[in-house]
Amino acid sequence: MTTKITHHVVGQGGKYVAHLEGEDAQGTLEWEPGPETRGKEVRVATHTIVPEAIGGRGVAAQLVERLISDAREQGFLIRPDCSYVEAKFDKNDWSDLRA
């Protein structure tokens, strides 16, 4: 099954949206701006939501991976306030991206 993840600006922050082929339900990872740290923009990951209809397919992990990829490409830091994002930080070596 193909998952397409898009990024949308929402106010001062944004959200990543996972669109699964053939499904109406969408997963989201929301972020808001945080105080600049070490001279870099900070995005505070606030919520990761995956509806039950598309649960168990790795959607939340794909959303976090896209956030991490964008942070590496665009040079921002992440403050993982969302418990899921925090757990992924704890399992991976992303300390260079932690605000």
PDB file of N, CA and C in Angstrom:
ATOM      1  N   MET A   1       0.840  -1.188   0.000  1.00  0.00           N
ATOM      2  CA  MET A   1       0.000   0.000   0.000  1.00  0.00           C
ATOM      3  C   MET A   1       0.884   1.250   0.000  1.00  0.00           C
ATOM      4  N   THR A   2       0.561   2.179  -0.865  1.00  0.00           N
ATOM      5  CA  THR A   2       1.335   3.400  -1.004  1.00  0.00           C
ATOM      6  C   THR A   2       0.831   4.456  -0.020  1.00  0.00           C
ATOM      7  N   THR A   3       1.775   5.103   0.660  1.00  0.00           N
ATOM      8  CA  THR A   3       1.456   6.207   1.553  1.00  0.00           C
ATOM      9  C   THR A   3       2.134   7.454   1.019  1.00  0.00           C
ATOM     10  N   LYS A   4       1.363   8.514   0.846  1.00  0.00           N
ATOM     11  CA  LYS A   4       1.902   9.801   0.411  1.00  0.00           C
ATOM     12  C   LYS A   4       1.783  10.760   1.581  1.00  0.00           C
ATOM     13  N   ILE A   5       2.897  11.404   1.928  1.00  0.00           N
ATOM     14  CA  ILE A   5       2.878  12.350   3.039  1.00  0.00           C
ATOM     15  C   ILE A   5       3.091  13.757   2.493  1.00  0.00           C
ATOM     16  N   THR A   6       2.167  14.638   2.847  1.00  0.00           N
ATOM     17  CA  THR A   6       2.258  16.024   2.416  1.00  0.00           C
ATOM     18  C   THR A   6       2.400  16.919   3.645  1.00  0.00           C
ATOM     19  N   HIS A   7       2.932  18.129   3.428  1.00  0.00           N
ATOM     20  CA  HIS A   7       3.086  19.094   4.514  1.00  0.00           C
ATOM     21  C   HIS A   7       2.214  20.301   4.207  1.00  0.00           C
ATOM     22  N   HIS A   8       1.512  20.774   5.224  1.00  0.00           N
ATOM     23  CA  HIS A   8       0.609  21.913   5.072  1.00  0.00           C
ATOM     24  C   HIS A   8       0.920  22.949   6.145  1.00  0.00           C
ATOM     25  N   VAL A   9       0.987  24.218   5.748  1.00  0.00           N
ATOM     26  CA  VAL A   9       1.165  25.298   6.707  1.00  0.00           C
ATOM     27  C   VAL A   9      -0.177  25.554   7.378  1.00  0.00           C
ATOM     28  N   VAL A  10      -0.152  25.632   8.706  1.00  0.00           N
ATOM     29  CA  VAL A  10      -1.359  25.910   9.478  1.00  0.00           C
ATOM     30  C   VAL A  10      -0.994  27.005  10.480  1.00  0.00           C
ATOM     31  N   GLY A  11      -1.480  28.223  10.225  1.00  0.00           N
ATOM     32  CA  GLY A  11      -1.127  29.345  11.090  1.00  0.00           C
ATOM     33  C   GLY A  11       0.383  29.547  11.060  1.00  0.00           C
ATOM     34  N   GLN A  12       1.000  29.617  12.236  1.00  0.00           N
ATOM     35  CA  GLN A  12       2.451  29.757  12.326  1.00  0.00           C
ATOM     36  C   GLN A  12       3.150  28.400  12.274  1.00  0.00           C
ATOM     37  N   GLY A  13       2.377  27.338  12.401  1.00  0.00           N
ATOM     38  CA  GLY A  13       2.945  25.995  12.417  1.00  0.00           C
ATOM     39  C   GLY A  13       2.560  25.217  11.171  1.00  0.00           C
ATOM     40  N   GLY A  14       2.334  23.910  11.373  1.00  0.00           N
ATOM     41  CA  GLY A  14       1.962  23.101  10.235  1.00  0.00           C
ATOM     42  C   GLY A  14       1.585  21.697  10.641  1.00  0.00           C
ATOM     43  N   LYS A  15       1.277  20.902   9.626  1.00  0.00           N
ATOM     44  CA  LYS A  15       0.990  19.503   9.896  1.00  0.00           C
ATOM     45  C   LYS A  15       1.375  18.667   8.690  1.00  0.00           C
ATOM     46  N   TYR A  16       1.815  17.470   9.004  1.00  0.00           N
ATOM     47  CA  TYR A  16       2.093  16.467   7.983  1.00  0.00           C
ATOM     48  C   TYR A  16       0.864  15.581   7.916  1.00  0.00           C
ATOM     49  N   VAL A  17       0.448  15.260   6.704  1.00  0.00           N
ATOM     50  CA  VAL A  17      -0.741  14.439   6.517  1.00  0.00           C
ATOM     51  C   VAL A  17      -0.362  13.205   5.696  1.00  0.00           C
ATOM     52  N   ALA A  18      -0.718  12.023   6.223  1.00  0.00           N
ATOM     53  CA  ALA A  18      -0.469  10.768   5.523  1.00  0.00           C
ATOM     54  C   ALA A  18      -1.738  10.338   4.804  1.00  0.00           C
ATOM     55  N   HIS A  19      -1.626  10.186   3.492  1.00  0.00           N
ATOM     56  CA  HIS A  19      -2.734   9.745   2.648  1.00  0.00           C
ATOM     57  C   HIS A  19      -2.414   8.319   2.206  1.00  0.00           C
ATOM     58  N   LEU A  20      -3.233   7.359   2.597  1.00  0.00           N
ATOM     59  CA  LEU A  20      -3.035   5.974   2.181  1.00  0.00           C
ATOM     60  C   LEU A  20      -3.900   5.670   0.975  1.00  0.00           C
ATOM     61  N   GLU A  21      -3.298   5.047  -0.007  1.00  0.00           N
ATOM     62  CA  GLU A  21      -4.015   4.686  -1.226  1.00  0.00           C
ATOM     63  C   GLU A  21      -5.241   3.840  -0.883  1.00  0.00           C
ATOM     64  N   GLY A  22      -6.400   4.260  -1.392  1.00  0.00           N
ATOM     65  CA  GLY A  22      -7.626   3.502  -1.186  1.00  0.00           C
ATOM     66  C   GLY A  22      -8.305   3.716   0.159  1.00  0.00           C
ATOM     67  N   GLU A  23      -7.802   4.649   0.968  1.00  0.00           N
ATOM     68  CA  GLU A  23      -8.379   4.913   2.296  1.00  0.00           C
ATOM     69  C   GLU A  23      -8.836   6.363   2.397  1.00  0.00           C
ATOM     70  N   ASP A  24      -9.931   6.582   3.114  1.00  0.00           N
ATOM     71  CA  ASP A  24     -10.396   7.947   3.366  1.00  0.00           C
ATOM     72  C   ASP A  24      -9.739   8.536   4.608  1.00  0.00           C
ATOM     73  N   ALA A  25      -9.461   7.697   5.605  1.00  0.00           N
ATOM     74  CA  ALA A  25      -8.853   8.167   6.852  1.00  0.00           C
ATOM     75  C   ALA A  25      -7.419   8.637   6.587  1.00  0.00           C
ATOM     76  N   GLN A  26      -7.005   9.651   7.340  1.00  0.00           N
ATOM     77  CA  GLN A  26      -5.663  10.208   7.192  1.00  0.00           C
ATOM     78  C   GLN A  26      -5.001  10.318   8.554  1.00  0.00           C
ATOM     79  N   GLY A  27      -3.691  10.082   8.589  1.00  0.00           N
ATOM     80  CA  GLY A  27      -2.913  10.296   9.803  1.00  0.00           C
ATOM     81  C   GLY A  27      -2.289  11.678   9.754  1.00  0.00           C
ATOM     82  N   THR A  28      -2.085  12.277  10.930  1.00  0.00           N
ATOM     83  CA  THR A  28      -1.475  13.605  10.964  1.00  0.00           C
ATOM     84  C   THR A  28      -0.428  13.712  12.066  1.00  0.00           C
ATOM     85  N   LEU A  29       0.546  14.572  11.811  1.00  0.00           N
ATOM     86  CA  LEU A  29       1.529  14.963  12.826  1.00  0.00           C
ATOM     87  C   LEU A  29       1.543  16.485  12.797  1.00  0.00           C
ATOM     88  N   GLU A  30       1.165  17.094  13.921  1.00  0.00           N
ATOM     89  CA  GLU A  30       1.059  18.549  13.991  1.00  0.00           C
ATOM     90  C   GLU A  30       2.265  19.133  14.720  1.00  0.00           C
ATOM     91  N   TRP A  31       2.662  20.346  14.286  1.00  0.00           N
ATOM     92  CA  TRP A  31       3.761  21.034  14.961  1.00  0.00           C
ATOM     93  C   TRP A  31       3.445  22.525  15.032  1.00  0.00           C
ATOM     94  N   GLU A  32       4.093  23.162  16.000  1.00  0.00           N
ATOM     95  CA  GLU A  32       3.979  24.612  16.145  1.00  0.00           C
ATOM     96  C   GLU A  32       5.378  25.171  16.371  1.00  0.00           C
ATOM     97  N   PRO A  33       5.583  26.448  16.103  1.00  0.00           N
ATOM     98  CA  PRO A  33       6.919  27.007  16.281  1.00  0.00           C
ATOM     99  C   PRO A  33       7.295  27.105  17.754  1.00  0.00           C
ATOM    100  N   GLY A  34       8.557  26.886  18.026  1.00  0.00           N
ATOM    101  CA  GLY A  34       9.082  27.020  19.383  1.00  0.00           C
ATOM    102  C   GLY A  34      10.166  28.084  19.394  1.00  0.00           C
ATOM    103  N   PRO A  35      10.704  28.399  20.564  1.00  0.00           N
ATOM    104  CA  PRO A  35      11.757  29.402  20.642  1.00  0.00           C
ATOM    105  C   PRO A  35      13.030  28.904  19.946  1.00  0.00           C
ATOM    106  N   GLU A  36      13.652  29.804  19.198  1.00  0.00           N
ATOM    107  CA  GLU A  36      14.896  29.455  18.501  1.00  0.00           C
ATOM    108  C   GLU A  36      15.920  28.914  19.488  1.00  0.00           C
ATOM    109  N   THR A  37      16.616  27.865  19.083  1.00  0.00           N
ATOM    110  CA  THR A  37      17.613  27.225  19.942  1.00  0.00           C
ATOM    111  C   THR A  37      18.902  27.037  19.142  1.00  0.00           C
ATOM    112  N   ARG A  38      20.013  27.389  19.732  1.00  0.00           N
ATOM    113  CA  ARG A  38      21.327  27.261  19.077  1.00  0.00           C
ATOM    114  C   ARG A  38      21.319  27.916  17.688  1.00  0.00           C
ATOM    115  N   GLY A  39      20.575  29.028  17.564  1.00  0.00           N
ATOM    116  CA  GLY A  39      20.523  29.758  16.310  1.00  0.00           C
ATOM    117  C   GLY A  39      19.705  29.089  15.223  1.00  0.00           C
ATOM    118  N   LYS A  40      18.868  28.115  15.597  1.00  0.00           N
ATOM    119  CA  LYS A  40      18.074  27.403  14.600  1.00  0.00           C
ATOM    120  C   LYS A  40      16.583  27.475  14.925  1.00  0.00           C
ATOM    121  N   GLU A  41      15.784  27.398  13.872  1.00  0.00           N
ATOM    122  CA  GLU A  41      14.328  27.308  14.021  1.00  0.00           C
ATOM    123  C   GLU A  41      14.003  26.027  14.797  1.00  0.00           C
ATOM    124  N   VAL A  42      12.968  26.100  15.632  1.00  0.00           N
ATOM    125  CA  VAL A  42      12.506  24.925  16.377  1.00  0.00           C
ATOM    126  C   VAL A  42      11.050  24.653  16.016  1.00  0.00           C
ATOM    127  N   ARG A  43      10.769  23.403  15.714  1.00  0.00           N
ATOM    128  CA  ARG A  43       9.392  22.961  15.496  1.00  0.00           C
ATOM    129  C   ARG A  43       9.034  22.020  16.643  1.00  0.00           C
ATOM    130  N   VAL A  44       7.965  22.368  17.351  1.00  0.00           N
ATOM    131  CA  VAL A  44       7.496  21.574  18.484  1.00  0.00           C
ATOM    132  C   VAL A  44       6.466  20.572  17.965  1.00  0.00           C
ATOM    133  N   ALA A  45       6.830  19.287  17.990  1.00  0.00           N
ATOM    134  CA  ALA A  45       5.890  18.243  17.569  1.00  0.00           C
ATOM    135  C   ALA A  45       4.872  18.076  18.689  1.00  0.00           C
ATOM    136  N   THR A  46       3.611  18.427  18.410  1.00  0.00           N
ATOM    137  CA  THR A  46       2.598  18.457  19.468  1.00  0.00           C
ATOM    138  C   THR A  46       1.678  17.242  19.485  1.00  0.00           C
ATOM    139  N   HIS A  47       1.287  16.744  18.315  1.00  0.00           N
ATOM    140  CA  HIS A  47       0.334  15.628  18.257  1.00  0.00           C
ATOM    141  C   HIS A  47       0.614  14.739  17.056  1.00  0.00           C
ATOM    142  N   THR A  48       0.523  13.448  17.249  1.00  0.00           N
ATOM    143  CA  THR A  48       0.516  12.488  16.144  1.00  0.00           C
ATOM    144  C   THR A  48      -0.771  11.695  16.295  1.00  0.00           C
ATOM    145  N   ILE A  49      -1.601  11.747  15.265  1.00  0.00           N
ATOM    146  CA  ILE A  49      -2.908  11.094  15.333  1.00  0.00           C
ATOM    147  C   ILE A  49      -3.084  10.175  14.127  1.00  0.00           C
ATOM    148  N   VAL A  50      -3.362   8.906  14.408  1.00  0.00           N
ATOM    149  CA  VAL A  50      -3.645   7.943  13.346  1.00  0.00           C
ATOM    150  C   VAL A  50      -4.971   7.266  13.691  1.00  0.00           C
ATOM    151  N   PRO A  51      -5.997   7.485  12.871  1.00  0.00           N
ATOM    152  CA  PRO A  51      -7.294   6.857  13.141  1.00  0.00           C
ATOM    153  C   PRO A  51      -7.190   5.326  13.157  1.00  0.00           C
ATOM    154  N   GLU A  52      -8.044   4.717  13.939  1.00  0.00           N
ATOM    155  CA  GLU A  52      -8.053   3.259  14.075  1.00  0.00           C
ATOM    156  C   GLU A  52      -8.183   2.554  12.725  1.00  0.00           C
ATOM    157  N   ALA A  53      -8.922   3.165  11.804  1.00  0.00           N
ATOM    158  CA  ALA A  53      -9.154   2.551  10.489  1.00  0.00           C
ATOM    159  C   ALA A  53      -7.864   2.291   9.713  1.00  0.00           C
ATOM    160  N   ILE A  54      -6.817   3.085   9.994  1.00  0.00           N
ATOM    161  CA  ILE A  54      -5.541   2.890   9.293  1.00  0.00           C
ATOM    162  C   ILE A  54      -4.407   2.567  10.256  1.00  0.00           C
ATOM    163  N   GLY A  55      -4.755   2.214  11.486  1.00  0.00           N
ATOM    164  CA  GLY A  55      -3.758   1.885  12.504  1.00  0.00           C
ATOM    165  C   GLY A  55      -3.022   0.588  12.185  1.00  0.00           C
ATOM    166  N   GLY A  56      -1.864   0.419  12.806  1.00  0.00           N
ATOM    167  CA  GLY A  56      -1.103  -0.813  12.676  1.00  0.00           C
ATOM    168  C   GLY A  56      -0.367  -0.969  11.356  1.00  0.00           C
ATOM    169  N   ARG A  57      -0.260   0.105  10.588  1.00  0.00           N
ATOM    170  CA  ARG A  57       0.405   0.036   9.282  1.00  0.00           C
ATOM    171  C   ARG A  57       1.666   0.878   9.219  1.00  0.00           C
ATOM    172  N   GLY A  58       2.111   1.371  10.354  1.00  0.00           N
ATOM    173  CA  GLY A  58       3.343   2.163  10.378  1.00  0.00           C
ATOM    174  C   GLY A  58       3.166   3.605   9.939  1.00  0.00           C
ATOM    175  N   VAL A  59       1.936   4.077   9.930  1.00  0.00           N
ATOM    176  CA  VAL A  59       1.668   5.439   9.467  1.00  0.00           C
ATOM    177  C   VAL A  59       2.328   6.473  10.371  1.00  0.00           C
ATOM    178  N   ALA A  60       2.194   6.323  11.677  1.00  0.00           N
ATOM    179  CA  ALA A  60       2.788   7.290  12.609  1.00  0.00           C
ATOM    180  C   ALA A  60       4.303   7.340  12.430  1.00  0.00           C
ATOM    181  N   ALA A  61       4.928   6.186  12.281  1.00  0.00           N
ATOM    182  CA  ALA A  61       6.387   6.140  12.080  1.00  0.00           C
ATOM    183  C   ALA A  61       6.787   6.862  10.797  1.00  0.00           C
ATOM    184  N   GLN A  62       5.998   6.694   9.740  1.00  0.00           N
ATOM    185  CA  GLN A  62       6.296   7.372   8.477  1.00  0.00           C
ATOM    186  C   GLN A  62       6.165   8.884   8.617  1.00  0.00           C
ATOM    187  N   LEU A  63       5.190   9.336   9.386  1.00  0.00           N
ATOM    188  CA  LEU A  63       5.031  10.768   9.627  1.00  0.00           C
ATOM    189  C   LEU A  63       6.252  11.334  10.352  1.00  0.00           C
ATOM    190  N   VAL A  64       6.720  10.627  11.374  1.00  0.00           N
ATOM    191  CA  VAL A  64       7.897  11.089  12.124  1.00  0.00           C
ATOM    192  C   VAL A  64       9.130  11.068  11.229  1.00  0.00           C
ATOM    193  N   GLU A  65       9.271  10.031  10.419  1.00  0.00           N
ATOM    194  CA  GLU A  65      10.424   9.949   9.513  1.00  0.00           C
ATOM    195  C   GLU A  65      10.446  11.120   8.535  1.00  0.00           C
ATOM    196  N   ARG A  66       9.265  11.552   8.069  1.00  0.00           N
ATOM    197  CA  ARG A  66       9.205  12.712   7.170  1.00  0.00           C
ATOM    198  C   ARG A  66       9.612  13.981   7.915  1.00  0.00           C
ATOM    199  N   LEU A  67       9.169  14.137   9.154  1.00  0.00           N
ATOM    200  CA  LEU A  67       9.567  15.286   9.970  1.00  0.00           C
ATOM    201  C   LEU A  67      11.087  15.300  10.142  1.00  0.00           C
ATOM    202  N   ILE A  68      11.666  14.147  10.448  1.00  0.00           N
ATOM    203  CA  ILE A  68      13.118  14.033  10.630  1.00  0.00           C
ATOM    204  C   ILE A  68      13.848  14.367   9.329  1.00  0.00           C
ATOM    205  N   SER A  69      13.361  13.840   8.221  1.00  0.00           N
ATOM    206  CA  SER A  69      13.962  14.107   6.914  1.00  0.00           C
ATOM    207  C   SER A  69      13.947  15.603   6.599  1.00  0.00           C
ATOM    208  N   ASP A  70      12.806  16.246   6.841  1.00  0.00           N
ATOM    209  CA  ASP A  70      12.704  17.684   6.596  1.00  0.00           C
ATOM    210  C   ASP A  70      13.642  18.464   7.509  1.00  0.00           C
ATOM    211  N   ALA A  71      13.770  18.042   8.766  1.00  0.00           N
ATOM    212  CA  ALA A  71      14.670  18.726   9.695  1.00  0.00           C
ATOM    213  C   ALA A  71      16.109  18.648   9.189  1.00  0.00           C
ATOM    214  N   ARG A  72      16.517  17.500   8.700  1.00  0.00           N
ATOM    215  CA  ARG A  72      17.876  17.350   8.168  1.00  0.00           C
ATOM    216  C   ARG A  72      18.079  18.209   6.910  1.00  0.00           C
ATOM    217  N   GLU A  73      17.073  18.231   6.032  1.00  0.00           N
ATOM    218  CA  GLU A  73      17.195  18.992   4.789  1.00  0.00           C
ATOM    219  C   GLU A  73      17.094  20.500   5.004  1.00  0.00           C
ATOM    220  N   GLN A  74      16.222  20.921   5.919  1.00  0.00           N
ATOM    221  CA  GLN A  74      15.945  22.349   6.097  1.00  0.00           C
ATOM    222  C   GLN A  74      16.682  22.978   7.270  1.00  0.00           C
ATOM    223  N   GLY A  75      17.301  22.159   8.116  1.00  0.00           N
ATOM    224  CA  GLY A  75      18.133  22.690   9.195  1.00  0.00           C
ATOM    225  C   GLY A  75      17.401  23.161  10.438  1.00  0.00           C
ATOM    226  N   PHE A  76      16.204  22.648  10.707  1.00  0.00           N
ATOM    227  CA  PHE A  76      15.524  23.036  11.941  1.00  0.00           C
ATOM    228  C   PHE A  76      15.682  21.946  12.999  1.00  0.00           C
ATOM    229  N   LEU A  77      15.382  22.311  14.243  1.00  0.00           N
ATOM    230  CA  LEU A  77      15.436  21.376  15.368  1.00  0.00           C
ATOM    231  C   LEU A  77      14.009  20.988  15.753  1.00  0.00           C
ATOM    232  N   ILE A  78      13.891  19.888  16.480  1.00  0.00           N
ATOM    233  CA  ILE A  78      12.578  19.383  16.885  1.00  0.00           C
ATOM    234  C   ILE A  78      12.510  19.247  18.401  1.00  0.00           C
ATOM    235  N   ARG A  79      11.442  19.767  18.988  1.00  0.00           N
ATOM    236  CA  ARG A  79      11.154  19.518  20.398  1.00  0.00           C
ATOM    237  C   ARG A  79      10.001  18.527  20.430  1.00  0.00           C
ATOM    238  N   PRO A  80      10.262  17.279  20.816  1.00  0.00           N
ATOM    239  CA  PRO A  80       9.235  16.232  20.762  1.00  0.00           C
ATOM    240  C   PRO A  80       8.290  16.242  21.960  1.00  0.00           C
ATOM    241  N   ASP A  81       7.324  17.164  21.978  1.00  0.00           N
ATOM    242  CA  ASP A  81       6.346  17.196  23.067  1.00  0.00           C
ATOM    243  C   ASP A  81       5.337  16.059  22.954  1.00  0.00           C
ATOM    244  N   CYS A  82       5.084  15.595  21.745  1.00  0.00           N
ATOM    245  CA  CYS A  82       4.185  14.458  21.521  1.00  0.00           C
ATOM    246  C   CYS A  82       4.864  13.197  22.057  1.00  0.00           C
ATOM    247  N   SER A  83       4.133  12.411  22.826  1.00  0.00           N
ATOM    248  CA  SER A  83       4.735  11.216  23.441  1.00  0.00           C
ATOM    249  C   SER A  83       5.219  10.208  22.396  1.00  0.00           C
ATOM    250  N   TYR A  84       4.534  10.106  21.272  1.00  0.00           N
ATOM    251  CA  TYR A  84       4.967   9.169  20.234  1.00  0.00           C
ATOM    252  C   TYR A  84       6.287   9.629  19.612  1.00  0.00           C
ATOM    253  N   VAL A  85       6.372  10.914  19.299  1.00  0.00           N
ATOM    254  CA  VAL A  85       7.605  11.448  18.713  1.00  0.00           C
ATOM    255  C   VAL A  85       8.747  11.322  19.716  1.00  0.00           C
ATOM    256  N   GLU A  86       8.474  11.577  20.983  1.00  0.00           N
ATOM    257  CA  GLU A  86       9.480  11.423  22.041  1.00  0.00           C
ATOM    258  C   GLU A  86       9.986   9.976  22.084  1.00  0.00           C
ATOM    259  N   ALA A  87       9.078   9.019  22.012  1.00  0.00           N
ATOM    260  CA  ALA A  87       9.465   7.598  22.035  1.00  0.00           C
ATOM    261  C   ALA A  87      10.348   7.262  20.839  1.00  0.00           C
ATOM    262  N   LYS A  88      10.041   7.822  19.662  1.00  0.00           N
ATOM    263  CA  LYS A  88      10.860   7.563  18.471  1.00  0.00           C
ATOM    264  C   LYS A  88      12.252   8.183  18.639  1.00  0.00           C
ATOM    265  N   PHE A  89      12.329   9.366  19.261  1.00  0.00           N
ATOM    266  CA  PHE A  89      13.630   9.985  19.537  1.00  0.00           C
ATOM    267  C   PHE A  89      14.442   9.096  20.473  1.00  0.00           C
ATOM    268  N   ASP A  90      13.770   8.513  21.470  1.00  0.00           N
ATOM    269  CA  ASP A  90      14.462   7.655  22.436  1.00  0.00           C
ATOM    270  C   ASP A  90      15.014   6.387  21.797  1.00  0.00           C
ATOM    271  N   LYS A  91      14.366   5.907  20.722  1.00  0.00           N
ATOM    272  CA  LYS A  91      14.786   4.663  20.065  1.00  0.00           C
ATOM    273  C   LYS A  91      15.794   4.894  18.944  1.00  0.00           C
ATOM    274  N   ASN A  92      15.975   6.136  18.525  1.00  0.00           N
ATOM    275  CA  ASN A  92      16.864   6.452  17.409  1.00  0.00           C
ATOM    276  C   ASN A  92      17.918   7.460  17.833  1.00  0.00           C
ATOM    277  N   ASP A  93      18.969   7.559  17.079  1.00  0.00           N
ATOM    278  CA  ASP A  93      20.023   8.518  17.393  1.00  0.00           C
ATOM    279  C   ASP A  93      19.786   9.818  16.648  1.00  0.00           C
ATOM    280  N   TRP A  94      18.816  10.579  17.129  1.00  0.00           N
ATOM    281  CA  TRP A  94      18.482  11.861  16.524  1.00  0.00           C
ATOM    282  C   TRP A  94      18.821  13.015  17.467  1.00  0.00           C
ATOM    283  N   SER A  95      19.754  12.798  18.393  1.00  0.00           N
ATOM    284  CA  SER A  95      20.063  13.824  19.392  1.00  0.00           C
ATOM    285  C   SER A  95      20.510  15.135  18.741  1.00  0.00           C
ATOM    286  N   ASP A  96      21.097  15.065  17.551  1.00  0.00           N
ATOM    287  CA  ASP A  96      21.539  16.289  16.861  1.00  0.00           C
ATOM    288  C   ASP A  96      20.362  17.146  16.408  1.00  0.00           C
ATOM    289  N   LEU A  97      19.171  16.561  16.357  1.00  0.00           N
ATOM    290  CA  LEU A  97      17.990  17.303  15.922  1.00  0.00           C
ATOM    291  C   LEU A  97      17.091  17.724  17.080  1.00  0.00           C
ATOM    292  N   ARG A  98      17.424  17.315  18.292  1.00  0.00           N
ATOM    293  CA  ARG A  98      16.577  17.623  19.453  1.00  0.00           C
ATOM    294  C   ARG A  98      16.843  19.039  19.930  1.00  0.00           C
ATOM    295  N   ALA A  99      15.743  19.798  20.081  1.00  0.00           N
ATOM    296  CA  ALA A  99      15.853  21.170  20.590  1.00  0.00           C
ATOM    297  C   ALA A  99      15.933  21.163  22.096  1.00  0.00           C
TER     298      ALA A  99
END
